[in-house]
Amino acid sequence: MEEQLYRLSITDPLTKAYNRRHFLQILEQEIERTNRTGLPISAILVNLDHFKNINDCFGHAVGDEVLKSLVNMIKQRSRKTDCLARWGGKEFVMLLPIHR
């Protein structure tokens, strides 16, 4: 039960991506690692242009499915060490650390 509560506290309820708060904690850890090791990190910001049009034309339920599908597609193509989070309504951020 404690593990389930923790998982709920770090994930976005709609998309099941990490939430912004958890992402910022991971980012802080990775910046510390980068400072120690000198290994670079990369970040990707994804902003769905014209997403409002999807909600307006097809409804919010379809918009929600688009967001969930996007997250699933990204997760299928990412590494276990990558961190994907929902930054805002239609914005996602991904941290791609390098580990050697």
Protein backbone atom coordinates (compact mmCIF):
# COMPACT_ATOMS: atom_id res chain seq x y z
CA MET A 1 0.00 0.00 0.00
CA GLU A 2 2.85 2.38 0.84
CA GLU A 3 4.47 1.69 -2.54
CA GLN A 4 1.18 2.36 -4.30
CA LEU A 5 0.78 5.70 -2.51
CA TYR A 6 4.33 6.65 -3.45
CA ARG A 7 3.68 5.77 -7.11
CA LEU A 8 0.53 7.90 -7.07
CA SER A 9 2.46 10.82 -5.58
CA ILE A 10 5.04 10.89 -8.40
CA THR A 11 2.86 10.28 -11.47
CA ASP A 12 0.43 12.29 -13.53
CA PRO A 13 -2.98 10.65 -13.05
CA LEU A 14 -4.03 10.91 -16.71
CA THR A 15 -0.92 9.92 -18.64
CA LYS A 16 0.95 7.90 -16.00
CA ALA A 17 4.12 9.84 -16.89
CA TYR A 18 6.03 11.29 -13.96
CA ASN A 19 4.73 14.59 -12.61
CA ARG A 20 6.67 17.85 -12.64
CA ARG A 21 7.67 17.64 -8.97
CA HIS A 22 9.25 14.21 -9.40
CA PHE A 23 10.98 15.31 -12.60
CA LEU A 24 12.59 18.24 -10.80
CA GLN A 25 13.91 15.87 -8.11
CA ILE A 26 15.38 13.56 -10.76
CA LEU A 27 16.84 16.54 -12.62
CA GLU A 28 18.56 17.75 -9.46
CA GLN A 29 20.10 14.29 -8.93
CA GLU A 30 21.27 14.11 -12.54
CA ILE A 31 22.82 17.58 -12.38
CA GLU A 32 24.75 16.47 -9.29
CA ARG A 33 25.87 13.33 -11.16
CA THR A 34 26.95 15.45 -14.13
CA ASN A 35 28.95 17.72 -11.84
CA ARG A 36 30.71 14.69 -10.33
CA THR A 37 31.33 12.67 -13.49
CA GLY A 38 31.47 15.28 -16.22
CA LEU A 39 29.07 13.16 -18.29
CA PRO A 40 26.49 15.21 -20.19
CA ILE A 41 22.73 15.05 -19.90
CA SER A 42 20.16 16.03 -22.48
CA ALA A 43 16.60 17.21 -22.20
CA ILE A 44 13.74 17.25 -24.69
CA LEU A 45 10.71 19.50 -24.39
CA VAL A 46 7.59 18.37 -26.26
CA ASN A 47 4.81 20.90 -26.77
CA LEU A 48 1.78 19.77 -28.76
CA ASP A 49 1.00 22.63 -31.12
CA HIS A 50 -2.67 23.25 -31.88
CA PHE A 51 -3.75 20.78 -29.20
CA LYS A 52 -6.65 23.07 -28.29
CA ASN A 53 -8.07 22.37 -31.75
CA ILE A 54 -8.27 18.65 -30.92
CA ASN A 55 -10.20 19.36 -27.72
CA ASP A 56 -12.44 21.89 -29.46
CA CYS A 57 -13.22 19.71 -32.50
CA PHE A 58 -13.32 16.24 -30.95
CA GLY A 59 -13.82 16.80 -27.23
CA HIS A 60 -11.66 16.46 -24.15
CA ALA A 61 -12.00 12.68 -23.99
CA VAL A 62 -10.29 12.41 -27.39
CA GLY A 63 -7.68 14.95 -26.28
CA ASP A 64 -6.97 12.82 -23.22
CA GLU A 65 -6.50 9.77 -25.43
CA VAL A 66 -4.05 11.71 -27.62
CA LEU A 67 -1.99 12.62 -24.55
CA LYS A 68 -2.01 9.03 -23.26
CA SER A 69 -1.06 7.68 -26.69
CA LEU A 70 1.81 10.15 -26.98
CA VAL A 71 3.19 9.09 -23.58
CA ASN A 72 2.88 5.40 -24.46
CA MET A 73 4.63 5.95 -27.79
CA ILE A 74 7.51 7.82 -26.14
CA LYS A 75 7.86 5.24 -23.36
CA GLN A 76 8.06 2.39 -25.89
CA ARG A 77 10.96 4.14 -27.61
CA SER A 78 12.92 5.31 -24.59
CA ARG A 79 15.51 3.72 -22.32
CA LYS A 80 14.87 2.67 -18.73
CA THR A 81 17.19 5.44 -17.56
CA ASP A 82 15.25 8.19 -19.38
CA CYS A 83 12.76 10.20 -17.36
CA LEU A 84 9.54 11.37 -19.02
CA ALA A 85 7.27 13.78 -17.17
CA ARG A 86 4.19 15.84 -17.84
CA TRP A 87 5.31 19.43 -17.45
CA GLY A 88 1.96 21.09 -18.08
CA GLY A 89 -1.32 20.42 -19.83
CA LYS A 90 0.08 19.65 -23.28
CA GLU A 91 3.77 19.88 -22.47
CA PHE A 92 6.12 17.05 -21.64
CA VAL A 93 9.78 16.99 -20.75
CA MET A 94 12.25 14.16 -20.99
CA LEU A 95 15.62 13.81 -19.34
CA LEU A 96 18.17 11.62 -21.10
CA PRO A 97 21.20 10.99 -18.87
CA ILE A 98 24.34 9.26 -20.10
CA HIS A 99 25.67 6.51 -17.84
CA ARG A 100 29.00 4.79 -18.32
